[in-house]
Each structure stands twice: as C-alpha cells, then as structure tokens.
C-alpha atoms as a PDB file:
ATOM      1  CA  MET A   1       0.000   0.000   0.000  1.00  0.00           C
ATOM      2  CA  ALA A   2       1.414   3.378  -0.991  1.00  0.00           C
ATOM      3  CA  TYR A   3       1.265   6.233   1.486  1.00  0.00           C
ATOM      4  CA  PRO A   4       1.223   9.901   0.420  1.00  0.00           C
ATOM      5  CA  THR A   5       4.359  11.984   0.823  1.00  0.00           C
ATOM      6  CA  TYR A   6       4.070  15.437   2.318  1.00  0.00           C
ATOM      7  CA  ASN A   7       6.378  18.236   1.199  1.00  0.00           C
ATOM      8  CA  SER A   8       4.837  21.154   3.065  1.00  0.00           C
ATOM      9  CA  VAL A   9       2.665  22.081   6.024  1.00  0.00           C
ATOM     10  CA  VAL A  10       0.262  25.026   5.689  1.00  0.00           C
ATOM     11  CA  ASP A  11      -1.904  26.698   8.343  1.00  0.00           C
ATOM     12  CA  ILE A  12      -5.632  26.319   7.587  1.00  0.00           C
ATOM     13  CA  PRO A  13      -7.611  29.192   9.147  1.00  0.00           C
ATOM     14  CA  THR A  14     -10.677  27.877  10.991  1.00  0.00           C
ATOM     15  CA  ASN A  15     -12.332  31.247  11.597  1.00  0.00           C
ATOM     16  CA  ALA A  16     -13.754  31.199   8.028  1.00  0.00           C
ATOM     17  CA  ASP A  17     -14.433  28.685   5.261  1.00  0.00           C
ATOM     18  CA  THR A  18     -11.065  28.024   3.611  1.00  0.00           C
ATOM     19  CA  GLU A  19     -10.473  26.628   0.140  1.00  0.00           C
ATOM     20  CA  GLY A  20      -7.258  25.054  -1.133  1.00  0.00           C
ATOM     21  CA  ARG A  21      -5.941  21.647  -2.090  1.00  0.00           C
ATOM     22  CA  TRP A  22      -4.427  19.380   0.543  1.00  0.00           C
ATOM     23  CA  LYS A  23      -3.417  15.704   0.748  1.00  0.00           C
ATOM     24  CA  GLY A  24      -4.244  15.462   4.437  1.00  0.00           C
ATOM     25  CA  PHE A  25      -4.555  17.344   7.706  1.00  0.00           C
ATOM     26  CA  MET A  26      -3.348  17.307  11.281  1.00  0.00           C
ATOM     27  CA  ILE A  27      -4.286  19.134  14.485  1.00  0.00           C
ATOM     28  CA  LEU A  28      -1.350  20.553  16.433  1.00  0.00           C
ATOM     29  CA  ASP A  29      -0.572  19.949  20.117  1.00  0.00           C
ATOM     30  CA  GLY A  30      -2.961  21.328  22.696  1.00  0.00           C
ATOM     31  CA  GLU A  31      -6.097  20.456  20.755  1.00  0.00           C
ATOM     32  CA  SER A  32      -7.786  17.072  20.852  1.00  0.00           C
ATOM     33  CA  ALA A  33     -11.231  15.527  20.635  1.00  0.00           C
ATOM     34  CA  LYS A  34     -12.137  18.246  18.140  1.00  0.00           C
ATOM     35  CA  ASN A  35     -14.216  18.088  14.949  1.00  0.00           C
ATOM     36  CA  VAL A  36     -12.998  18.913  11.431  1.00  0.00           C
ATOM     37  CA  LYS A  37     -15.499  19.361   8.593  1.00  0.00           C
ATOM     38  CA  ILE A  38     -14.080  19.161   5.061  1.00  0.00           C
ATOM     39  CA  ARG A  39     -15.135  18.693   1.445  1.00  0.00           C
ATOM     40  CA  THR A  40     -13.315  15.845  -0.311  1.00  0.00           C
ATOM     41  CA  LEU A  41     -12.039  16.141  -3.876  1.00  0.00           C
ATOM     42  CA  HIS A  42     -15.114  14.120  -4.906  1.00  0.00           C
ATOM     43  CA  GLY A  43     -17.418  16.830  -3.518  1.00  0.00           C
ATOM     44  CA  GLU A  44     -18.526  14.919  -0.406  1.00  0.00           C
ATOM     45  CA  ASP A  45     -18.824  16.838   2.881  1.00  0.00           C
ATOM     46  CA  VAL A  46     -17.337  14.814   5.750  1.00  0.00           C
ATOM     47  CA  THR A  47     -17.015  15.606   9.460  1.00  0.00           C
ATOM     48  CA  PHE A  48     -14.254  13.876  11.403  1.00  0.00           C
ATOM     49  CA  GLU A  49     -15.263  13.722  15.067  1.00  0.00           C
ATOM     50  CA  ASP A  50     -12.955  13.439  18.079  1.00  0.00           C
ATOM     51  CA  VAL A  51      -9.819  14.051  15.998  1.00  0.00           C
ATOM     52  CA  ILE A  52      -6.644  13.229  17.910  1.00  0.00           C
ATOM     53  CA  ALA A  53      -3.849  15.833  18.025  1.00  0.00           C
ATOM     54  CA  ASN A  54      -0.573  15.091  16.176  1.00  0.00           C
ATOM     55  CA  THR A  55      -2.193  12.351  14.099  1.00  0.00           C
ATOM     56  CA  VAL A  56      -2.043  12.556  10.299  1.00  0.00           C
ATOM     57  CA  TYR A  57      -5.394  12.124   8.547  1.00  0.00           C
ATOM     58  CA  PRO A  58      -4.404  11.248   4.949  1.00  0.00           C
ATOM     59  CA  ILE A  59      -7.496  12.337   3.027  1.00  0.00           C
ATOM     60  CA  ALA A  60      -7.374  14.683   0.041  1.00  0.00           C
ATOM     61  CA  PHE A  61      -9.703  17.665   0.321  1.00  0.00           C
ATOM     62  CA  ASN A  62     -10.239  21.130  -1.100  1.00  0.00           C
ATOM     63  CA  LYS A  63     -12.332  22.935   1.510  1.00  0.00           C
ATOM     64  CA  CYS A  64     -12.387  23.236   5.298  1.00  0.00           C
ATOM     65  CA  TYR A  65     -15.585  24.595   6.826  1.00  0.00           C
ATOM     66  CA  ASN A  66     -15.801  27.064   9.689  1.00  0.00           C
ATOM     67  CA  SER A  67     -19.206  25.708  10.696  1.00  0.00           C
ATOM     68  CA  GLY A  68     -18.702  22.165  11.956  1.00  0.00           C
ATOM     69  CA  THR A  69     -14.974  22.609  12.694  1.00  0.00           C
ATOM     70  CA  THR A  70     -14.220  23.065  16.396  1.00  0.00           C
ATOM     71  CA  VAL A  71     -10.412  23.351  16.186  1.00  0.00           C
ATOM     72  CA  GLY A  72      -9.003  26.662  17.393  1.00  0.00           C
ATOM     73  CA  ASN A  73      -7.662  29.053  14.775  1.00  0.00           C
ATOM     74  CA  GLY A  74      -3.953  28.382  14.130  1.00  0.00           C
ATOM     75  CA  LYS A  75      -4.124  24.766  15.305  1.00  0.00           C
ATOM     76  CA  LEU A  76      -5.159  23.020  12.055  1.00  0.00           C
ATOM     77  CA  VAL A  77      -2.606  22.365   9.312  1.00  0.00           C
ATOM     78  CA  GLY A  78      -2.979  21.064   5.782  1.00  0.00           C
ATOM     79  CA  LEU A  79      -0.373  18.690   4.400  1.00  0.00           C
ATOM     80  CA  ASN A  80       0.823  18.850   0.792  1.00  0.00           C
END
C-alpha cells in the first residue's frame, strides 16, 4: 500500500471557510477531541469527530468549513 508523501505544512484558518488543495490534515498539540469538517475532492462533505492531536489524517480535500470545525484558529494544518 502506498502512502502519500508530504512536502509542506500550511496553516488552515478555521475562523472562516477556507479553500485550497491538501493531501491530508493534522491538528497541532494542545487540541484534541475536536471536529474537522471538510469537502473531499469528490465533492462529499465529511465531518471527522474526536480528531486526535498530532495524528495525520491522509485524506485529500479542497475545503475546510468554519461551521462544523471546532479546532481553534492556528491549530489546524494542511499537508501537501
């Protein structure tokens, strides 16, 4: 099974809907049991509940929603 490689880490603002293109996401230290709502590249809206800090979630997505995401601003990063 092939795993994605990540070349960069980018802050995803959670105080507004944010669009971009990421291969995955991770919540930084100090935040856990939070929710992250995203739109996958296939156009499906998905909410990950009780996300664990410092764990890589390797799912490609192009939008992170403000509504439905409970991670503090500056604590969510997109992986490319």
